[in-house]
PDB file of N, CA and C in Angstrom:
ATOM      1  N   LEU A   1      80.546 -44.068 -54.364  1.00  0.00           N
ATOM      2  CA  LEU A   1      80.819 -42.797 -53.720  1.00  0.00           C
ATOM      3  C   LEU A   1      82.227 -42.313 -53.903  1.00  0.00           C
ATOM      4  N   ILE A   2      83.201 -43.246 -53.752  1.00  0.00           N
ATOM      5  CA  ILE A   2      84.609 -42.924 -53.907  1.00  0.00           C
ATOM      6  C   ILE A   2      84.881 -42.596 -55.349  1.00  0.00           C
ATOM      7  N   LEU A   3      84.300 -43.359 -56.263  1.00  0.00           N
ATOM      8  CA  LEU A   3      84.475 -43.157 -57.697  1.00  0.00           C
ATOM      9  C   LEU A   3      83.924 -41.816 -58.078  1.00  0.00           C
ATOM     10  N   SER A   4      82.762 -41.442 -57.567  1.00  0.00           N
ATOM     11  CA  SER A   4      82.218 -40.160 -57.826  1.00  0.00           C
ATOM     12  C   SER A   4      83.092 -39.046 -57.382  1.00  0.00           C
ATOM     13  N   PHE A   5      83.668 -39.197 -56.152  1.00  0.00           N
ATOM     14  CA  PHE A   5      84.563 -38.165 -55.640  1.00  0.00           C
ATOM     15  C   PHE A   5      85.831 -37.977 -56.521  1.00  0.00           C
ATOM     16  N   LEU A   6      86.376 -39.041 -56.899  1.00  0.00           N
ATOM     17  CA  LEU A   6      87.520 -39.040 -57.839  1.00  0.00           C
ATOM     18  C   LEU A   6      87.235 -38.334 -59.117  1.00  0.00           C
ATOM     19  N   ILE A   7      86.058 -38.621 -59.673  1.00  0.00           N
ATOM     20  CA  ILE A   7      85.710 -37.981 -60.933  1.00  0.00           C
ATOM     21  C   ILE A   7      85.514 -36.483 -60.814  1.00  0.00           C
ATOM     22  N   ILE A   8      84.838 -36.078 -59.687  1.00  0.00           N
ATOM     23  CA  ILE A   8      84.664 -34.620 -59.424  1.00  0.00           C
ATOM     24  C   ILE A   8      85.978 -33.950 -59.220  1.00  0.00           C
ATOM     25  N   VAL A   9      86.881 -34.501 -58.468  1.00  0.00           N
ATOM     26  CA  VAL A   9      88.187 -33.878 -58.181  1.00  0.00           C
ATOM     27  C   VAL A   9      88.964 -33.683 -59.505  1.00  0.00           C
ATOM     28  N   SER A  10      88.898 -34.757 -60.387  1.00  0.00           N
ATOM     29  CA  SER A  10      89.730 -34.664 -61.633  1.00  0.00           C
ATOM     30  C   SER A  10      89.107 -33.765 -62.634  1.00  0.00           C
ATOM     31  N   CYS A  11      87.888 -33.279 -62.440  1.00  0.00           N
ATOM     32  CA  CYS A  11      87.244 -32.371 -63.494  1.00  0.00           C
ATOM     33  C   CYS A  11      87.263 -30.963 -63.075  1.00  0.00           C
ATOM     34  N   SER A  12      88.240 -30.504 -62.285  1.00  0.00           N
ATOM     35  CA  SER A  12      88.253 -29.097 -61.869  1.00  0.00           C
ATOM     36  C   SER A  12      88.529 -28.233 -63.079  1.00  0.00           C
ATOM     37  N   SER A  13      87.767 -27.122 -63.166  1.00  0.00           N
ATOM     38  CA  SER A  13      87.888 -26.207 -64.282  1.00  0.00           C
ATOM     39  C   SER A  13      89.136 -25.221 -64.126  1.00  0.00           C
ATOM     40  N   ALA A  14      89.692 -25.210 -62.857  1.00  0.00           N
ATOM     41  CA  ALA A  14      90.830 -24.387 -62.594  1.00  0.00           C
ATOM     42  C   ALA A  14      92.127 -25.149 -63.116  1.00  0.00           C
ATOM     43  N   LYS A  15      92.967 -24.347 -63.730  1.00  0.00           N
ATOM     44  CA  LYS A  15      94.214 -24.988 -64.306  1.00  0.00           C
ATOM     45  C   LYS A  15      95.314 -24.949 -63.321  1.00  0.00           C
ATOM     46  N   LYS A  16      96.301 -25.917 -63.459  1.00  0.00           N
ATOM     47  CA  LYS A  16      97.547 -25.994 -62.749  1.00  0.00           C
ATOM     48  C   LYS A  16      98.443 -24.951 -63.483  1.00  0.00           C
ATOM     49  N   SER A  17      99.439 -24.425 -62.737  1.00  0.00           N
ATOM     50  CA  SER A  17     100.388 -23.499 -63.363  1.00  0.00           C
ATOM     51  C   SER A  17     101.086 -24.151 -64.616  1.00  0.00           C
ATOM     52  N   SER A  18     101.360 -25.425 -64.491  1.00  0.00           N
ATOM     53  CA  SER A  18     102.000 -26.157 -65.653  1.00  0.00           C
ATOM     54  C   SER A  18     101.104 -26.269 -66.837  1.00  0.00           C
ATOM     55  N   GLU A  19      99.879 -26.113 -66.696  1.00  0.00           N
ATOM     56  CA  GLU A  19      98.861 -26.236 -67.799  1.00  0.00           C
ATOM     57  C   GLU A  19      98.617 -24.846 -68.485  1.00  0.00           C
ATOM     58  N   VAL A  20      99.057 -23.768 -67.882  1.00  0.00           N
ATOM     59  CA  VAL A  20      98.802 -22.458 -68.417  1.00  0.00           C
ATOM     60  C   VAL A  20      99.723 -22.327 -69.670  1.00  0.00           C
ATOM     61  N   THR A  21      99.078 -22.023 -70.789  1.00  0.00           N
ATOM     62  CA  THR A  21      99.872 -21.865 -72.068  1.00  0.00           C
ATOM     63  C   THR A  21     100.319 -20.459 -72.221  1.00  0.00           C
ATOM     64  N   THR A  22     101.360 -20.278 -72.884  1.00  0.00           N
ATOM     65  CA  THR A  22     101.987 -18.899 -73.132  1.00  0.00           C
ATOM     66  C   THR A  22     101.169 -18.106 -74.038  1.00  0.00           C
ATOM     67  N   LYS A  23     100.941 -16.857 -73.590  1.00  0.00           N
ATOM     68  CA  LYS A  23     100.208 -15.873 -74.406  1.00  0.00           C
ATOM     69  C   LYS A  23     101.216 -15.214 -75.312  1.00  0.00           C
ATOM     70  N   TYR A  24     100.754 -14.997 -76.599  1.00  0.00           N
ATOM     71  CA  TYR A  24     101.664 -14.387 -77.603  1.00  0.00           C
ATOM     72  C   TYR A  24     101.774 -12.908 -77.225  1.00  0.00           C
ATOM     73  N   VAL A  25     103.064 -12.480 -77.115  1.00  0.00           N
ATOM     74  CA  VAL A  25     103.475 -11.104 -76.928  1.00  0.00           C
ATOM     75  C   VAL A  25     104.394 -10.768 -78.129  1.00  0.00           C
ATOM     76  N   PRO A  26     104.145  -9.741 -78.870  1.00  0.00           N
ATOM     77  CA  PRO A  26     104.956  -9.412 -80.009  1.00  0.00           C
ATOM     78  C   PRO A  26     106.403  -9.033 -79.504  1.00  0.00           C
ATOM     79  N   ALA A  27     107.413  -9.599 -80.190  1.00  0.00           N
ATOM     80  CA  ALA A  27     108.796  -9.249 -79.878  1.00  0.00           C
ATOM     81  C   ALA A  27     109.095  -7.809 -80.116  1.00  0.00           C
ATOM     82  N   SER A  28     108.394  -7.217 -81.006  1.00  0.00           N
ATOM     83  CA  SER A  28     108.557  -5.770 -81.387  1.00  0.00           C
ATOM     84  C   SER A  28     108.363  -4.852 -80.164  1.00  0.00           C
ATOM     85  N   GLN A  29     107.605  -5.343 -79.223  1.00  0.00           N
ATOM     86  CA  GLN A  29     107.356  -4.670 -77.938  1.00  0.00           C
ATOM     87  C   GLN A  29     108.682  -4.271 -77.201  1.00  0.00           C
ATOM     88  N   TYR A  30     109.641  -5.134 -77.335  1.00  0.00           N
ATOM     89  CA  TYR A  30     110.892  -4.979 -76.703  1.00  0.00           C
ATOM     90  C   TYR A  30     111.986  -4.689 -77.643  1.00  0.00           C
ATOM     91  N   ALA A  31     111.790  -4.354 -78.938  1.00  0.00           N
ATOM     92  CA  ALA A  31     112.833  -4.166 -79.886  1.00  0.00           C
ATOM     93  C   ALA A  31     113.725  -2.977 -79.619  1.00  0.00           C
ATOM     94  N   GLY A  32     113.176  -1.976 -78.986  1.00  0.00           N
ATOM     95  CA  GLY A  32     113.886  -0.737 -78.743  1.00  0.00           C
ATOM     96  C   GLY A  32     114.826  -0.834 -77.532  1.00  0.00           C
ATOM     97  N   LEU A  33     114.829  -1.893 -76.792  1.00  0.00           N
ATOM     98  CA  LEU A  33     115.664  -2.067 -75.620  1.00  0.00           C
ATOM     99  C   LEU A  33     117.016  -2.517 -75.969  1.00  0.00           C
ATOM    100  N   SER A  34     117.984  -2.104 -75.153  1.00  0.00           N
ATOM    101  CA  SER A  34     119.363  -2.687 -75.261  1.00  0.00           C
ATOM    102  C   SER A  34     119.461  -4.015 -74.642  1.00  0.00           C
ATOM    103  N   CYS A  35     120.613  -4.680 -74.799  1.00  0.00           N
ATOM    104  CA  CYS A  35     120.788  -5.983 -74.183  1.00  0.00           C
ATOM    105  C   CYS A  35     120.676  -5.928 -72.680  1.00  0.00           C
ATOM    106  N   GLU A  36     121.298  -4.823 -72.098  1.00  0.00           N
ATOM    107  CA  GLU A  36     121.271  -4.743 -70.633  1.00  0.00           C
ATOM    108  C   GLU A  36     119.821  -4.504 -70.184  1.00  0.00           C
ATOM    109  N   GLN A  37     119.046  -3.699 -70.925  1.00  0.00           N
ATOM    110  CA  GLN A  37     117.681  -3.405 -70.576  1.00  0.00           C
ATOM    111  C   GLN A  37     116.796  -4.726 -70.700  1.00  0.00           C
ATOM    112  N   LEU A  38     117.083  -5.451 -71.686  1.00  0.00           N
ATOM    113  CA  LEU A  38     116.317  -6.753 -71.977  1.00  0.00           C
ATOM    114  C   LEU A  38     116.491  -7.645 -70.836  1.00  0.00           C
ATOM    115  N   ILE A  39     117.803  -7.772 -70.421  1.00  0.00           N
ATOM    116  CA  ILE A  39     118.199  -8.692 -69.321  1.00  0.00           C
ATOM    117  C   ILE A  39     117.543  -8.249 -68.043  1.00  0.00           C
ATOM    118  N   ALA A  40     117.546  -6.947 -67.756  1.00  0.00           N
ATOM    119  CA  ALA A  40     116.854  -6.419 -66.535  1.00  0.00           C
ATOM    120  C   ALA A  40     115.418  -6.685 -66.537  1.00  0.00           C
ATOM    121  N   GLU A  41     114.807  -6.408 -67.651  1.00  0.00           N
ATOM    122  CA  GLU A  41     113.346  -6.637 -67.854  1.00  0.00           C
ATOM    123  C   GLU A  41     112.996  -8.125 -67.592  1.00  0.00           C
ATOM    124  N   ALA A  42     113.852  -9.051 -68.174  1.00  0.00           N
ATOM    125  CA  ALA A  42     113.641 -10.432 -68.050  1.00  0.00           C
ATOM    126  C   ALA A  42     113.728 -10.819 -66.551  1.00  0.00           C
ATOM    127  N   GLU A  43     114.718 -10.291 -65.833  1.00  0.00           N
ATOM    128  CA  GLU A  43     114.865 -10.609 -64.427  1.00  0.00           C
ATOM    129  C   GLU A  43     113.706 -10.137 -63.552  1.00  0.00           C
ATOM    130  N   ILE A  44     113.137  -9.059 -63.917  1.00  0.00           N
ATOM    131  CA  ILE A  44     111.962  -8.528 -63.133  1.00  0.00           C
ATOM    132  C   ILE A  44     110.707  -9.526 -63.415  1.00  0.00           C
ATOM    133  N   ILE A  45     110.578  -9.964 -64.635  1.00  0.00           N
ATOM    134  CA  ILE A  45     109.480 -10.889 -64.937  1.00  0.00           C
ATOM    135  C   ILE A  45     109.762 -12.180 -64.308  1.00  0.00           C
ATOM    136  N   ARG A  46     111.021 -12.619 -64.408  1.00  0.00           N
ATOM    137  CA  ARG A  46     111.356 -13.980 -63.809  1.00  0.00           C
ATOM    138  C   ARG A  46     111.099 -13.988 -62.315  1.00  0.00           C
ATOM    139  N   ALA A  47     111.351 -12.859 -61.660  1.00  0.00           N
ATOM    140  CA  ALA A  47     111.131 -12.715 -60.229  1.00  0.00           C
ATOM    141  C   ALA A  47     109.597 -12.844 -59.857  1.00  0.00           C
ATOM    142  N   ARG A  48     108.772 -12.355 -60.775  1.00  0.00           N
ATOM    143  CA  ARG A  48     107.288 -12.406 -60.558  1.00  0.00           C
ATOM    144  C   ARG A  48     106.685 -13.769 -60.840  1.00  0.00           C
ATOM    145  N   THR A  49     107.291 -14.471 -61.768  1.00  0.00           N
ATOM    146  CA  THR A  49     106.725 -15.661 -62.341  1.00  0.00           C
ATOM    147  C   THR A  49     106.422 -16.735 -61.217  1.00  0.00           C
ATOM    148  N   PRO A  50     107.316 -17.064 -60.389  1.00  0.00           N
ATOM    149  CA  PRO A  50     107.053 -18.096 -59.348  1.00  0.00           C
ATOM    150  C   PRO A  50     105.838 -17.680 -58.441  1.00  0.00           C
ATOM    151  N   GLY A  51     105.682 -16.458 -58.172  1.00  0.00           N
ATOM    152  CA  GLY A  51     104.536 -16.002 -57.341  1.00  0.00           C
ATOM    153  C   GLY A  51     103.271 -16.173 -58.096  1.00  0.00           C
ATOM    154  N   LEU A  52     103.298 -15.879 -59.350  1.00  0.00           N
ATOM    155  CA  LEU A  52     102.120 -16.075 -60.240  1.00  0.00           C
ATOM    156  C   LEU A  52     101.753 -17.528 -60.289  1.00  0.00           C
ATOM    157  N   ALA A  53     102.719 -18.396 -60.512  1.00  0.00           N
ATOM    158  CA  ALA A  53     102.514 -19.846 -60.681  1.00  0.00           C
ATOM    159  C   ALA A  53     101.996 -20.346 -59.326  1.00  0.00           C
ATOM    160  N   ALA A  54     102.526 -19.898 -58.194  1.00  0.00           N
ATOM    161  CA  ALA A  54     102.078 -20.343 -56.895  1.00  0.00           C
ATOM    162  C   ALA A  54     100.549 -19.965 -56.619  1.00  0.00           C
ATOM    163  N   ALA A  55     100.246 -18.752 -57.028  1.00  0.00           N
ATOM    164  CA  ALA A  55      98.873 -18.300 -56.888  1.00  0.00           C
ATOM    165  C   ALA A  55      97.931 -19.154 -57.745  1.00  0.00           C
ATOM    166  N   VAL A  56      98.322 -19.473 -58.973  1.00  0.00           N
ATOM    167  CA  VAL A  56      97.508 -20.279 -59.771  1.00  0.00           C
ATOM    168  C   VAL A  56      97.287 -21.685 -59.145  1.00  0.00           C
ATOM    169  N   ASP A  57      98.388 -22.259 -58.684  1.00  0.00           N
ATOM    170  CA  ASP A  57      98.276 -23.577 -58.010  1.00  0.00           C
ATOM    171  C   ASP A  57      97.480 -23.577 -56.762  1.00  0.00           C
ATOM    172  N   LYS A  58      97.609 -22.526 -56.011  1.00  0.00           N
ATOM    173  CA  LYS A  58      96.919 -22.390 -54.710  1.00  0.00           C
ATOM    174  C   LYS A  58      95.383 -22.313 -55.018  1.00  0.00           C
ATOM    175  N   HIS A  59      95.021 -21.456 -56.098  1.00  0.00           N
ATOM    176  CA  HIS A  59      93.642 -21.341 -56.410  1.00  0.00           C
ATOM    177  C   HIS A  59      93.068 -22.635 -56.878  1.00  0.00           C
ATOM    178  N   ARG A  60      93.791 -23.391 -57.643  1.00  0.00           N
ATOM    179  CA  ARG A  60      93.351 -24.702 -58.133  1.00  0.00           C
ATOM    180  C   ARG A  60      93.056 -25.648 -56.966  1.00  0.00           C
ATOM    181  N   LYS A  61      94.048 -25.608 -55.933  1.00  0.00           N
ATOM    182  CA  LYS A  61      93.910 -26.529 -54.803  1.00  0.00           C
ATOM    183  C   LYS A  61      92.676 -26.131 -54.087  1.00  0.00           C
ATOM    184  N   ASN A  62      92.455 -24.904 -53.750  1.00  0.00           N
ATOM    185  CA  ASN A  62      91.284 -24.428 -52.986  1.00  0.00           C
ATOM    186  C   ASN A  62      89.969 -24.577 -53.816  1.00  0.00           C
ATOM    187  N   GLN A  63      89.990 -24.347 -55.063  1.00  0.00           N
ATOM    188  CA  GLN A  63      88.886 -24.559 -55.921  1.00  0.00           C
ATOM    189  C   GLN A  63      88.446 -25.964 -56.050  1.00  0.00           C
ATOM    190  N   THR A  64      89.319 -26.940 -56.049  1.00  0.00           N
ATOM    191  CA  THR A  64      88.991 -28.372 -56.085  1.00  0.00           C
ATOM    192  C   THR A  64      88.144 -28.713 -54.894  1.00  0.00           C
ATOM    193  N   GLY A  65      88.568 -28.259 -53.729  1.00  0.00           N
ATOM    194  CA  GLY A  65      87.725 -28.555 -52.478  1.00  0.00           C
ATOM    195  C   GLY A  65      86.371 -27.927 -52.595  1.00  0.00           C
ATOM    196  N   VAL A  66      86.344 -26.718 -53.034  1.00  0.00           N
ATOM    197  CA  VAL A  66      85.025 -25.979 -53.165  1.00  0.00           C
ATOM    198  C   VAL A  66      84.151 -26.723 -54.148  1.00  0.00           C
ATOM    199  N   GLU A  67      84.740 -27.175 -55.252  1.00  0.00           N
ATOM    200  CA  GLU A  67      83.901 -27.858 -56.276  1.00  0.00           C
ATOM    201  C   GLU A  67      83.324 -29.131 -55.750  1.00  0.00           C
ATOM    202  N   VAL A  68      84.116 -29.859 -54.957  1.00  0.00           N
ATOM    203  CA  VAL A  68      83.594 -31.148 -54.410  1.00  0.00           C
ATOM    204  C   VAL A  68      82.384 -30.826 -53.499  1.00  0.00           C
ATOM    205  N   VAL A  69      82.523 -29.906 -52.610  1.00  0.00           N
ATOM    206  CA  VAL A  69      81.475 -29.474 -51.693  1.00  0.00           C
ATOM    207  C   VAL A  69      80.233 -29.026 -52.483  1.00  0.00           C
ATOM    208  N   THR A  70      80.496 -28.195 -53.472  1.00  0.00           N
ATOM    209  CA  THR A  70      79.408 -27.703 -54.329  1.00  0.00           C
ATOM    210  C   THR A  70      78.664 -28.798 -55.086  1.00  0.00           C
ATOM    211  N   TRP A  71      79.325 -29.681 -55.631  1.00  0.00           N
ATOM    212  CA  TRP A  71      78.722 -30.779 -56.376  1.00  0.00           C
ATOM    213  C   TRP A  71      77.925 -31.665 -55.392  1.00  0.00           C
ATOM    214  N   VAL A  72      78.357 -31.786 -54.196  1.00  0.00           N
ATOM    215  CA  VAL A  72      77.578 -32.651 -53.214  1.00  0.00           C
ATOM    216  C   VAL A  72      76.417 -31.944 -52.686  1.00  0.00           C
ATOM    217  N   LEU A  73      76.531 -30.644 -52.299  1.00  0.00           N
ATOM    218  CA  LEU A  73      75.522 -29.900 -51.630  1.00  0.00           C
ATOM    219  C   LEU A  73      74.488 -29.302 -52.648  1.00  0.00           C
ATOM    220  N   PHE A  74      75.013 -28.679 -53.664  1.00  0.00           N
ATOM    221  CA  PHE A  74      74.152 -27.902 -54.540  1.00  0.00           C
ATOM    222  C   PHE A  74      74.789 -27.886 -55.983  1.00  0.00           C
ATOM    223  N   TRP A  75      74.646 -28.972 -56.756  1.00  0.00           N
ATOM    224  CA  TRP A  75      75.416 -29.089 -57.972  1.00  0.00           C
ATOM    225  C   TRP A  75      75.182 -27.944 -59.043  1.00  0.00           C
ATOM    226  N   PRO A  76      74.054 -27.323 -59.157  1.00  0.00           N
ATOM    227  CA  PRO A  76      73.922 -26.218 -60.123  1.00  0.00           C
ATOM    228  C   PRO A  76      74.896 -25.105 -59.956  1.00  0.00           C
ATOM    229  N   ALA A  77      75.250 -24.838 -58.734  1.00  0.00           N
ATOM    230  CA  ALA A  77      76.197 -23.763 -58.465  1.00  0.00           C
ATOM    231  C   ALA A  77      77.621 -24.055 -58.903  1.00  0.00           C
ATOM    232  N   ALA A  78      77.926 -25.384 -59.144  1.00  0.00           N
ATOM    233  CA  ALA A  78      79.289 -25.745 -59.689  1.00  0.00           C
ATOM    234  C   ALA A  78      79.636 -25.103 -60.991  1.00  0.00           C
ATOM    235  N   PHE A  79      78.645 -24.781 -61.745  1.00  0.00           N
ATOM    236  CA  PHE A  79      78.825 -24.271 -63.083  1.00  0.00           C
ATOM    237  C   PHE A  79      79.174 -22.716 -62.948  1.00  0.00           C
ATOM    238  N   LEU A  80      79.005 -22.121 -61.793  1.00  0.00           N
ATOM    239  CA  LEU A  80      79.246 -20.697 -61.648  1.00  0.00           C
ATOM    240  C   LEU A  80      80.575 -20.462 -60.847  1.00  0.00           C
ATOM    241  N   LEU A  81      81.350 -21.441 -60.515  1.00  0.00           N
ATOM    242  CA  LEU A  81      82.534 -21.270 -59.802  1.00  0.00           C
ATOM    243  C   LEU A  81      83.649 -20.560 -60.635  1.00  0.00           C
ATOM    244  N   ASP A  82      84.544 -19.943 -59.885  1.00  0.00           N
ATOM    245  CA  ASP A  82      85.693 -19.206 -60.509  1.00  0.00           C
ATOM    246  C   ASP A  82      86.684 -20.214 -61.030  1.00  0.00           C
ATOM    247  N   ASP A  83      87.058 -20.087 -62.276  1.00  0.00           N
ATOM    248  CA  ASP A  83      88.044 -20.988 -62.831  1.00  0.00           C
ATOM    249  C   ASP A  83      89.511 -20.464 -62.722  1.00  0.00           C
ATOM    250  N   GLY A  84      89.698 -19.343 -62.124  1.00  0.00           N
ATOM    251  CA  GLY A  84      91.010 -18.754 -61.995  1.00  0.00           C
ATOM    252  C   GLY A  84      91.630 -18.266 -63.270  1.00  0.00           C
ATOM    253  N   SER A  85      90.796 -17.910 -64.201  1.00  0.00           N
ATOM    254  CA  SER A  85      91.299 -17.388 -65.496  1.00  0.00           C
ATOM    255  C   SER A  85      92.069 -16.099 -65.415  1.00  0.00           C
ATOM    256  N   GLU A  86      91.749 -15.237 -64.422  1.00  0.00           N
ATOM    257  CA  GLU A  86      92.494 -13.977 -64.275  1.00  0.00           C
ATOM    258  C   GLU A  86      93.875 -14.191 -63.889  1.00  0.00           C
ATOM    259  N   MET A  87      94.147 -15.096 -62.872  1.00  0.00           N
ATOM    260  CA  MET A  87      95.469 -15.399 -62.495  1.00  0.00           C
ATOM    261  C   MET A  87      96.260 -16.206 -63.530  1.00  0.00           C
ATOM    262  N   SER A  88      95.541 -17.124 -64.261  1.00  0.00           N
ATOM    263  CA  SER A  88      96.156 -17.851 -65.348  1.00  0.00           C
ATOM    264  C   SER A  88      96.588 -16.916 -66.494  1.00  0.00           C
ATOM    265  N   SER A  89      95.726 -15.892 -66.742  1.00  0.00           N
ATOM    266  CA  SER A  89      96.037 -14.956 -67.797  1.00  0.00           C
ATOM    267  C   SER A  89      97.252 -14.156 -67.451  1.00  0.00           C
ATOM    268  N   GLU A  90      97.474 -13.787 -66.216  1.00  0.00           N
ATOM    269  CA  GLU A  90      98.675 -12.989 -65.744  1.00  0.00           C
ATOM    270  C   GLU A  90      99.915 -13.872 -65.988  1.00  0.00           C
ATOM    271  N   LEU A  91      99.799 -15.157 -65.660  1.00  0.00           N
ATOM    272  CA  LEU A  91     100.939 -16.030 -65.788  1.00  0.00           C
ATOM    273  C   LEU A  91     101.248 -16.274 -67.224  1.00  0.00           C
ATOM    274  N   ALA A  92     100.197 -16.467 -68.043  1.00  0.00           N
ATOM    275  CA  ALA A  92     100.460 -16.624 -69.473  1.00  0.00           C
ATOM    276  C   ALA A  92     101.061 -15.412 -70.119  1.00  0.00           C
ATOM    277  N   GLU A  93     100.680 -14.213 -69.665  1.00  0.00           N
ATOM    278  CA  GLU A  93     101.244 -12.921 -70.195  1.00  0.00           C
ATOM    279  C   GLU A  93     102.770 -12.845 -69.792  1.00  0.00           C
ATOM    280  N   ALA A  94     103.105 -13.281 -68.584  1.00  0.00           N
ATOM    281  CA  ALA A  94     104.497 -13.188 -68.175  1.00  0.00           C
ATOM    282  C   ALA A  94     105.375 -14.249 -68.993  1.00  0.00           C
ATOM    283  N   LYS A  95     104.805 -15.417 -69.276  1.00  0.00           N
ATOM    284  CA  LYS A  95     105.506 -16.387 -70.008  1.00  0.00           C
ATOM    285  C   LYS A  95     105.711 -15.811 -71.498  1.00  0.00           C
ATOM    286  N   GLY A  96     104.664 -15.116 -72.004  1.00  0.00           N
ATOM    287  CA  GLY A  96     104.856 -14.514 -73.384  1.00  0.00           C
ATOM    288  C   GLY A  96     105.841 -13.408 -73.432  1.00  0.00           C
ATOM    289  N   GLN A  97     105.861 -12.577 -72.328  1.00  0.00           N
ATOM    290  CA  GLN A  97     106.860 -11.524 -72.293  1.00  0.00           C
ATOM    291  C   GLN A  97     108.306 -12.123 -72.245  1.00  0.00           C
ATOM    292  N   LEU A  98     108.504 -13.099 -71.460  1.00  0.00           N
ATOM    293  CA  LEU A  98     109.804 -13.782 -71.409  1.00  0.00           C
ATOM    294  C   LEU A  98     110.214 -14.315 -72.734  1.00  0.00           C
ATOM    295  N   GLU A  99     109.243 -14.913 -73.491  1.00  0.00           N
ATOM    296  CA  GLU A  99     109.555 -15.324 -74.853  1.00  0.00           C
ATOM    297  C   GLU A  99     109.949 -14.294 -75.774  1.00  0.00           C
ATOM    298  N   ALA A 100     109.163 -13.162 -75.741  1.00  0.00           N
ATOM    299  CA  ALA A 100     109.447 -12.034 -76.610  1.00  0.00           C
ATOM    300  C   ALA A 100     110.833 -11.474 -76.288  1.00  0.00           C
ATOM    301  N   ILE A 101     111.156 -11.307 -75.044  1.00  0.00           N
ATOM    302  CA  ILE A 101     112.511 -10.831 -74.593  1.00  0.00           C
ATOM    303  C   ILE A 101     113.554 -11.780 -75.133  1.00  0.00           C
ATOM    304  N   GLN A 102     113.316 -13.052 -74.961  1.00  0.00           N
ATOM    305  CA  GLN A 102     114.337 -14.067 -75.464  1.00  0.00           C
ATOM    306  C   GLN A 102     114.610 -13.914 -76.948  1.00  0.00           C
ATOM    307  N   GLN A 103     113.483 -13.705 -77.648  1.00  0.00           N
ATOM    308  CA  GLN A 103     113.660 -13.532 -79.151  1.00  0.00           C
ATOM    309  C   GLN A 103     114.539 -12.300 -79.469  1.00  0.00           C
ATOM    310  N   ASN A 104     114.331 -11.257 -78.701  1.00  0.00           N
ATOM    311  CA  ASN A 104     115.100 -10.034 -78.920  1.00  0.00           C
ATOM    312  C   ASN A 104     116.497 -10.257 -78.495  1.00  0.00           C
ATOM    313  N   LEU A 105     116.799 -10.946 -77.441  1.00  0.00           N
ATOM    314  CA  LEU A 105     118.112 -11.280 -76.979  1.00  0.00           C
ATOM    315  C   LEU A 105     118.920 -12.040 -78.060  1.00  0.00           C
ATOM    316  N   ILE A 106     118.152 -12.981 -78.694  1.00  0.00           N
ATOM    317  CA  ILE A 106     118.806 -13.752 -79.748  1.00  0.00           C
ATOM    318  C   ILE A 106     119.090 -12.956 -80.965  1.00  0.00           C
ATOM    319  N   SER A 107     118.080 -12.218 -81.407  1.00  0.00           N
ATOM    320  CA  SER A 107     118.242 -11.412 -82.629  1.00  0.00           C
ATOM    321  C   SER A 107     119.347 -10.365 -82.447  1.00  0.00           C
ATOM    322  N   LYS A 108     119.485  -9.839 -81.215  1.00  0.00           N
ATOM    323  CA  LYS A 108     120.523  -8.753 -80.985  1.00  0.00           C
ATOM    324  C   LYS A 108     121.952  -9.373 -80.614  1.00  0.00           C
ATOM    325  N   LYS A 109     121.947 -10.749 -80.561  1.00  0.00           N
ATOM    326  CA  LYS A 109     123.135 -11.517 -80.247  1.00  0.00           C
ATOM    327  C   LYS A 109     123.743 -11.096 -78.885  1.00  0.00           C
ATOM    328  N   CYS A 110     122.856 -10.895 -77.924  1.00  0.00           N
ATOM    329  CA  CYS A 110     123.255 -10.597 -76.584  1.00  0.00           C
ATOM    330  C   CYS A 110     123.887 -11.852 -75.936  1.00  0.00           C
ATOM    331  N   GLY A 111     124.785 -11.674 -75.094  1.00  0.00           N
ATOM    332  CA  GLY A 111     125.504 -12.764 -74.405  1.00  0.00           C
ATOM    333  C   GLY A 111     124.740 -13.427 -73.356  1.00  0.00           C
TER     334      GLY A 111
END
């Protein structure tokens, strides 16, 4: 029973924030901005990122408990659970935007 519980908990379909990969955002999207504008934009995104990461982690924590109960009570429903892909997608987009901005900061030789 304990082994089954551990297997179920470790198989959650929801990702941790650290497991969310960066989504590609073209650097050209930020090419027209000055160094100051790039820095300001990066700060806005950096301010949002911890909240997005916390939301992804909170969803995973909640989802893990729901998955355990679902597998025990009615396992077919476990395949229909929310994997948190919308929140993960937002975090991946923010990571990609930061990378694109960083590429522009480097290419423009901003301090």
